[in-house]
Protein backbone atom coordinates (compact mmCIF):
# COMPACT_ATOMS: atom_id res chain seq x y z
CA MET A 1 9.97 5.26 -3.37
CA LYS A 2 8.15 2.91 -5.81
CA LEU A 3 4.22 2.36 -4.17
CA SER A 4 1.08 0.11 -5.03
CA ILE A 5 -1.98 0.24 -3.71
CA ILE A 6 -4.22 -2.41 -3.43
CA GLY A 7 -7.81 -0.92 -3.87
CA THR A 8 -8.85 2.64 -4.93
CA GLY A 9 -11.88 3.11 -2.62
CA ASN A 10 -11.46 6.12 -0.04
CA VAL A 11 -8.74 5.14 1.40
CA GLY A 12 -6.92 3.57 -1.29
CA LEU A 13 -7.18 6.64 -4.00
CA VAL A 14 -6.02 8.90 -0.70
CA THR A 15 -3.45 7.53 0.00
CA GLY A 16 -1.73 7.00 -3.13
CA ALA A 17 -2.88 10.51 -4.09
CA CYS A 18 -0.98 12.01 -1.19
CA PHE A 19 1.58 9.82 -1.49
CA SER A 20 2.32 10.43 -5.24
CA ALA A 21 2.70 14.44 -4.00
CA GLN A 22 4.99 13.64 -1.39
CA GLY A 23 7.09 12.73 -4.53
CA HIS A 24 6.76 8.88 -4.56
CA GLU A 25 5.95 6.82 -7.53
CA VAL A 26 2.30 5.38 -6.95
CA ARG A 27 0.41 2.68 -9.18
CA CYS A 28 -3.08 2.22 -7.93
CA ALA A 29 -4.68 -1.03 -8.67
CA ASP A 30 -7.74 -2.61 -8.60
CA ILE A 31 -10.07 -5.46 -10.14
CA ASP A 32 -13.02 -3.23 -10.70
CA THR A 33 -12.14 -2.45 -14.74
CA ASP A 34 -14.70 0.07 -14.46
CA LYS A 35 -13.35 1.74 -11.82
CA ILE A 36 -10.49 2.31 -13.14
CA ASP A 37 -11.38 3.26 -16.11
CA ARG A 38 -12.65 6.22 -14.79
CA LEU A 39 -10.17 7.38 -12.69
CA GLN A 40 -7.69 7.01 -15.47
CA ARG A 41 -10.41 9.57 -16.85
CA LEU A 42 -10.15 11.67 -13.83
CA GLU A 43 -13.70 10.53 -12.87
CA LEU A 44 -13.47 9.97 -9.49
CA HIS A 45 -16.27 8.32 -7.56
CA SER A 46 -14.95 10.79 -4.14
CA GLU A 47 -15.51 13.84 -3.49
CA GLU A 48 -13.64 14.53 -0.22
CA PRO A 49 -12.41 18.34 -0.31
CA GLY A 50 -8.78 18.44 -2.82
CA LEU A 51 -8.85 15.21 -3.84
CA ALA A 52 -10.20 15.73 -6.99
CA ASP A 53 -6.88 18.77 -7.81
CA LEU A 54 -4.55 16.27 -6.00
CA VAL A 55 -4.74 13.42 -8.31
CA ALA A 56 -4.91 15.60 -11.31
CA ARG A 57 -2.10 17.21 -10.76
CA ASN A 58 -0.15 13.67 -9.82
CA VAL A 59 -1.25 12.18 -13.00
CA GLU A 60 -0.43 14.96 -15.16
CA ALA A 61 2.95 15.01 -13.20
CA GLY A 62 3.89 11.14 -14.18
CA ARG A 63 3.58 10.00 -10.42
CA LEU A 64 0.28 8.49 -9.91
CA THR A 65 -1.09 5.73 -12.76
CA PHE A 66 -3.99 3.15 -12.56
CA THR A 67 -4.06 -0.13 -13.56
CA THR A 68 -5.90 -3.64 -13.20
CA ASP A 69 -2.63 -5.00 -13.71
CA THR A 70 -2.32 -5.81 -9.92
CA PRO A 71 0.60 -8.93 -10.51
CA ALA A 72 2.63 -5.81 -12.94
CA ALA A 73 2.16 -2.76 -10.38
CA VAL A 74 2.95 -5.17 -7.42
CA ALA A 75 6.34 -7.07 -9.08
CA CYS A 76 7.42 -3.16 -9.69
CA SER A 77 7.04 -2.05 -6.35
CA GLU A 78 9.74 -1.60 -3.11
CA ALA A 79 6.27 -1.08 -1.04
CA VAL A 80 2.59 -2.72 -1.33
CA PHE A 81 -0.38 -1.04 0.41
CA LEU A 82 -3.52 -3.17 1.63
CA CYS A 83 -6.31 -1.11 1.18
CA VAL A 84 -8.92 -3.10 0.00
CA GLU A 85 -12.56 -3.44 1.58
CA THR A 86 -13.60 -5.25 4.48
CA PRO A 87 -17.13 -5.45 4.71
CA GLN A 88 -19.16 -6.07 7.33
CA GLY A 89 -20.74 -9.70 7.41
CA GLU A 90 -24.11 -10.49 8.32
CA ASP A 91 -22.23 -11.53 11.82
CA GLY A 92 -21.43 -7.93 11.85
CA LYS A 93 -17.89 -8.75 11.27
CA PRO A 94 -15.31 -7.59 9.12
CA ASP A 95 -15.48 -9.39 5.53
CA LEU A 96 -11.99 -10.83 4.79
CA GLU A 97 -12.08 -12.70 1.87
CA GLN A 98 -11.56 -9.24 -0.57
CA ILE A 99 -8.04 -8.69 1.56
CA LEU A 100 -7.10 -12.81 1.78
CA ALA A 101 -7.67 -12.81 -2.27
CA ALA A 102 -5.47 -9.18 -2.77
CA THR A 103 -2.73 -10.69 -0.41
CA GLN A 104 -2.87 -13.62 -2.39
CA THR A 105 -1.83 -11.74 -5.56
CA VAL A 106 0.23 -9.53 -3.96
CA ALA A 107 2.29 -13.12 -2.51
CA GLU A 108 2.80 -14.35 -5.78
CA SER A 109 3.92 -11.25 -7.40
CA ILE A 110 6.45 -9.47 -5.67
CA GLU A 111 10.36 -9.68 -6.29
CA GLY A 112 12.80 -8.72 -4.29
CA PHE A 113 12.40 -7.27 -0.60
CA THR A 114 9.17 -5.99 -0.66
CA LEU A 115 7.41 -3.95 2.40
CA ILE A 116 3.80 -5.04 2.96
CA VAL A 117 1.90 -3.01 4.66
CA VAL A 118 -2.31 -3.43 5.95
CA LYS A 119 -3.80 -0.40 5.98
CA SER A 120 -7.36 -1.89 5.57
CA THR A 121 -9.87 -1.70 8.52
CA VAL A 122 -9.17 -5.76 10.13
CA PRO A 123 -9.85 -7.80 13.35
CA VAL A 124 -6.67 -8.47 16.22
CA GLY A 125 -4.29 -10.95 14.82
CA THR A 126 -5.20 -11.01 11.15
CA THR A 127 -1.80 -9.35 9.83
CA GLU A 128 -0.55 -12.67 11.24
CA THR A 129 -2.66 -14.70 9.31
CA LEU A 130 -1.55 -12.26 6.29
CA ARG A 131 1.83 -13.08 7.14
CA ARG A 132 1.93 -16.61 7.06
CA LEU A 133 -0.51 -16.39 3.90
CA ILE A 134 2.21 -15.02 2.26
CA SER A 135 5.32 -16.96 3.52
CA SER A 136 3.63 -19.91 2.45
CA SER A 137 3.11 -18.75 -1.18
CA THR A 138 6.61 -17.08 -1.71
CA GLY A 139 9.90 -17.63 -1.48
CA GLU A 140 10.53 -13.84 -1.56
CA PRO A 141 11.84 -11.95 1.30
CA PHE A 142 8.96 -9.42 2.84
CA THR A 143 7.91 -7.43 6.07
CA ILE A 144 4.52 -6.78 6.70
CA ALA A 145 3.64 -3.77 8.63
CA CYS A 146 -0.45 -2.50 9.78
CA ASN A 147 -0.65 1.37 9.80
CA PRO A 148 -4.54 1.58 10.35
CA GLU A 149 -6.10 4.54 8.46
CA PHE A 150 -8.06 7.45 10.90
CA LEU A 151 -9.29 9.38 7.29
CA LYS A 152 -12.85 11.18 8.22
CA ALA A 153 -14.98 11.79 5.70
CA GLY A 154 -15.30 15.10 4.62
CA SER A 155 -11.24 15.52 5.70
CA ALA A 156 -9.35 12.47 4.25
CA VAL A 157 -6.79 14.54 2.52
CA ARG A 158 -6.07 16.87 5.50
CA ASP A 159 -5.95 13.43 7.81
CA PHE A 160 -3.17 11.69 5.68
CA ARG A 161 -0.81 14.95 5.70
CA GLN A 162 -1.60 16.22 8.96
CA PRO A 163 -2.30 13.37 10.77
CA ASP A 164 -3.09 13.85 14.68
CA ARG A 165 -1.71 10.15 14.93
CA VAL A 166 0.40 7.47 13.69
CA VAL A 167 -0.19 3.87 14.13
CA ALA A 168 2.76 1.50 12.80
CA GLY A 169 3.47 -1.65 14.05
CA CYS A 170 6.44 -3.14 12.02
CA PRO A 171 9.38 -6.01 13.27
CA TRP A 172 12.33 -5.37 13.12
CA ARG A 173 13.61 -8.37 10.82
CA ALA A 174 12.65 -9.45 7.56
CA SER A 175 10.31 -12.69 7.06
CA ALA A 176 11.45 -16.67 7.54
CA ASN A 177 12.08 -16.44 3.82
CA SER A 178 14.46 -13.48 4.08
CA SER A 179 18.33 -14.39 4.55
CA GLU A 180 18.63 -10.77 6.07
CA PRO A 181 19.94 -10.40 9.64
CA THR A 182 17.71 -9.39 12.30
CA ARG A 183 17.25 -5.52 12.20
CA ALA A 184 17.63 -4.84 8.56
CA THR A 185 14.99 -3.52 6.24
CA SER A 186 14.88 -2.27 2.49
CA PRO A 187 15.48 1.14 2.01
CA ALA A 188 11.16 1.02 1.48
CA ALA A 189 10.96 0.08 5.02
CA SER A 190 13.14 2.34 6.46
CA GLY A 191 11.96 5.38 4.47
CA TRP A 192 8.08 4.13 5.24
CA ILE A 193 9.18 4.14 8.85
CA ARG A 194 10.81 7.64 8.64
CA GLU A 195 7.65 9.29 6.83
CA SER A 196 5.21 7.34 9.06
CA ALA A 197 6.56 7.64 12.32
CA PRO A 198 9.63 10.45 12.63
CA GLY A 199 10.49 9.64 16.12
CA LEU A 200 11.18 6.26 15.79
CA SER A 201 15.06 5.70 13.88
CA PRO A 202 15.23 2.55 11.28
CA PRO A 203 17.46 -0.10 10.74
CA PRO A 204 20.35 0.50 8.30
CA PRO A 205 18.87 -0.30 4.88
CA ALA A 206 20.15 -4.29 3.41
CA THR A 207 19.45 -3.87 0.36
CA ALA A 208 19.77 -1.58 -2.95
CA ALA A 209 16.57 -0.25 -4.25
CA ARG A 210 15.28 -1.80 -7.79
CA ALA A 211 15.58 -0.53 -11.16
CA CYS A 212 11.73 -0.92 -12.73
CA PRO A 213 10.68 1.33 -15.49
CA ARG A 214 7.89 3.46 -15.85
CA THR A 215 4.90 2.43 -17.51
CA SER A 216 1.59 3.83 -17.63
CA ALA A 217 -0.05 0.49 -17.23
CA PRO A 218 -3.30 -0.40 -18.62
């Protein structure tokens, strides 16, 4: 599968590295130019055990790349993971400004059926807010899912690869923009559901995987 990870903080970097280690083609995107420059030089801002080696091996294998060109990364992806930070505001609530901005960019950039997965820490009801934002910004079909992370500092790679629990919520239908029938998903959605929740039996794929040239985007 071709995946894009939006946000290269600890969650985004671990998610991208671990997915690429499973054989997926992953593009990690961030608006922070300095951070992407460092990641392209394999200078990680995280000290998670095992992460540096995982990143280096998959960059060398061509499965993991870093870019500031979020629209290009999203357009080539079958699944997009929103991993942007939602820092606590002065009122104690998560600041959703960054995830709203990232979601707007994703909505304007998807091409063809795309699975959009929210991994950022957000309040109840945010996924529906993002779904409405995407629906109002694109005519492309999509499914949105919520897959909260339970990664602990110091054991994030192990927690991702050997989770003690997985929570994933995804409707068995495409968005209102889609002509796909109920209980139809893209190949990306079906694959992600199988990997994230092996006990589930997703409906059969409704579309063929898209072709997208492999590039080393800046």
